Amino acid sequence: MKLKDRKQIFEKPEKELKKSLSEAKDDLFKLEVELSQRKLKNTRQIFWKKKEIALILTALKEKELAAKGEGK
């Protein structure tokens, strides 16, 4: 994932991040099914999808903490 893409993830609103997270988890499941069926050619895709999910979760947590900090 390119640095530009990472910056875009942190700029997205929370609702859009949750949607992206759901889609990424679905994609990861599909990749794992393809791997188990030996159809997946590039196994590195699973690694990158997991990194993308972690990045989205980090952005969500950051937004949650920022909102909690503003509420005090």
C-alpha atoms as a PDB file:
ATOM      1  CA  MET A   1       0.000   0.000   0.000  1.00  0.00           C
ATOM      2  CA  LYS A   2       1.386   3.340  -0.997  1.00  0.00           C
ATOM      3  CA  LEU A   3       1.882   6.217   1.403  1.00  0.00           C
ATOM      4  CA  LYS A   4      -0.721   8.250  -0.494  1.00  0.00           C
ATOM      5  CA  ASP A   5      -3.298   5.491   0.086  1.00  0.00           C
ATOM      6  CA  ARG A   6      -2.471   5.395   3.791  1.00  0.00           C
ATOM      7  CA  LYS A   7      -3.036   9.122   4.121  1.00  0.00           C
ATOM      8  CA  GLN A   8      -6.377   8.793   2.354  1.00  0.00           C
ATOM      9  CA  ILE A   9      -7.504   6.139   4.838  1.00  0.00           C
ATOM     10  CA  PHE A  10      -6.887   8.474   7.775  1.00  0.00           C
ATOM     11  CA  GLU A  11      -8.813  11.270   6.043  1.00  0.00           C
ATOM     12  CA  LYS A  12     -11.982   9.210   5.502  1.00  0.00           C
ATOM     13  CA  PRO A  13     -14.993   9.702   7.789  1.00  0.00           C
ATOM     14  CA  GLU A  14     -15.796   7.017  10.342  1.00  0.00           C
ATOM     15  CA  LYS A  15     -18.829   5.677   8.473  1.00  0.00           C
ATOM     16  CA  GLU A  16     -16.810   5.171   5.302  1.00  0.00           C
ATOM     17  CA  LEU A  17     -14.011   3.483   7.276  1.00  0.00           C
ATOM     18  CA  LYS A  18     -16.474   0.983   8.728  1.00  0.00           C
ATOM     19  CA  LYS A  19     -17.726   0.196   5.234  1.00  0.00           C
ATOM     20  CA  SER A  20     -14.146  -0.231   3.988  1.00  0.00           C
ATOM     21  CA  LEU A  21     -13.384  -2.505   6.929  1.00  0.00           C
ATOM     22  CA  SER A  22     -16.348  -4.717   6.139  1.00  0.00           C
ATOM     23  CA  GLU A  23     -15.331  -4.966   2.479  1.00  0.00           C
ATOM     24  CA  ALA A  24     -11.703  -5.703   3.376  1.00  0.00           C
ATOM     25  CA  LYS A  25     -12.743  -8.504   5.732  1.00  0.00           C
ATOM     26  CA  ASP A  26     -14.944 -10.008   3.008  1.00  0.00           C
ATOM     27  CA  ASP A  27     -12.050  -9.811   0.553  1.00  0.00           C
ATOM     28  CA  LEU A  28      -9.726 -11.487   3.053  1.00  0.00           C
ATOM     29  CA  PHE A  29     -12.206 -14.314   3.529  1.00  0.00           C
ATOM     30  CA  LYS A  30     -12.428 -14.818  -0.235  1.00  0.00           C
ATOM     31  CA  LEU A  31      -8.638 -14.848  -0.530  1.00  0.00           C
ATOM     32  CA  GLU A  32      -8.360 -17.452   2.225  1.00  0.00           C
ATOM     33  CA  VAL A  33     -10.968 -19.626   0.525  1.00  0.00           C
ATOM     34  CA  GLU A  34      -9.070 -19.380  -2.755  1.00  0.00           C
ATOM     35  CA  LEU A  35      -5.871 -20.311  -0.915  1.00  0.00           C
ATOM     36  CA  SER A  36      -7.495 -23.392   0.597  1.00  0.00           C
ATOM     37  CA  GLN A  37      -8.731 -24.412  -2.847  1.00  0.00           C
ATOM     38  CA  ARG A  38      -5.234 -23.812  -4.273  1.00  0.00           C
ATOM     39  CA  LYS A  39      -6.574 -21.245  -6.753  1.00  0.00           C
ATOM     40  CA  LEU A  40      -4.670 -18.286  -5.328  1.00  0.00           C
ATOM     41  CA  LYS A  41      -1.522 -17.522  -7.328  1.00  0.00           C
ATOM     42  CA  ASN A  42      -0.163 -14.618  -5.275  1.00  0.00           C
ATOM     43  CA  THR A  43      -0.303 -15.537  -1.586  1.00  0.00           C
ATOM     44  CA  ARG A  44       1.189 -12.161  -0.696  1.00  0.00           C
ATOM     45  CA  GLN A  45      -2.272 -10.654  -1.270  1.00  0.00           C
ATOM     46  CA  ILE A  46      -3.399 -12.110   2.068  1.00  0.00           C
ATOM     47  CA  PHE A  47      -0.546 -10.324   3.841  1.00  0.00           C
ATOM     48  CA  TRP A  48      -1.402  -6.975   2.227  1.00  0.00           C
ATOM     49  CA  LYS A  49      -5.115  -7.333   2.959  1.00  0.00           C
ATOM     50  CA  LYS A  50      -4.364  -7.991   6.642  1.00  0.00           C
ATOM     51  CA  LYS A  51      -2.172  -4.887   6.732  1.00  0.00           C
ATOM     52  CA  GLU A  52      -4.985  -2.872   5.161  1.00  0.00           C
ATOM     53  CA  ILE A  53      -7.444  -4.125   7.805  1.00  0.00           C
ATOM     54  CA  ALA A  54      -5.013  -3.219  10.588  1.00  0.00           C
ATOM     55  CA  LEU A  55      -4.562   0.256   9.131  1.00  0.00           C
ATOM     56  CA  ILE A  56      -8.323   0.813   8.948  1.00  0.00           C
ATOM     57  CA  LEU A  57      -8.744  -0.375  12.540  1.00  0.00           C
ATOM     58  CA  THR A  58      -5.982   2.006  13.621  1.00  0.00           C
ATOM     59  CA  ALA A  59      -7.694   4.919  11.881  1.00  0.00           C
ATOM     60  CA  LEU A  60     -11.029   4.015  13.508  1.00  0.00           C
ATOM     61  CA  LYS A  61      -9.446   3.815  16.955  1.00  0.00           C
ATOM     62  CA  GLU A  62      -7.710   7.160  16.403  1.00  0.00           C
ATOM     63  CA  LYS A  63     -11.006   8.813  15.475  1.00  0.00           C
ATOM     64  CA  GLU A  64     -12.732   7.214  18.467  1.00  0.00           C
ATOM     65  CA  LEU A  65     -10.079   8.507  20.856  1.00  0.00           C
ATOM     66  CA  ALA A  66     -10.174  11.959  19.277  1.00  0.00           C
ATOM     67  CA  ALA A  67     -13.954  12.088  19.711  1.00  0.00           C
ATOM     68  CA  LYS A  68     -13.642  10.928  23.301  1.00  0.00           C
ATOM     69  CA  GLY A  69     -11.012  13.614  23.966  1.00  0.00           C
ATOM     70  CA  GLU A  70     -13.251  16.340  22.549  1.00  0.00           C
ATOM     71  CA  GLY A  71     -16.148  15.199  24.699  1.00  0.00           C
ATOM     72  CA  LYS A  72     -14.319  15.875  27.961  1.00  0.00           C
END
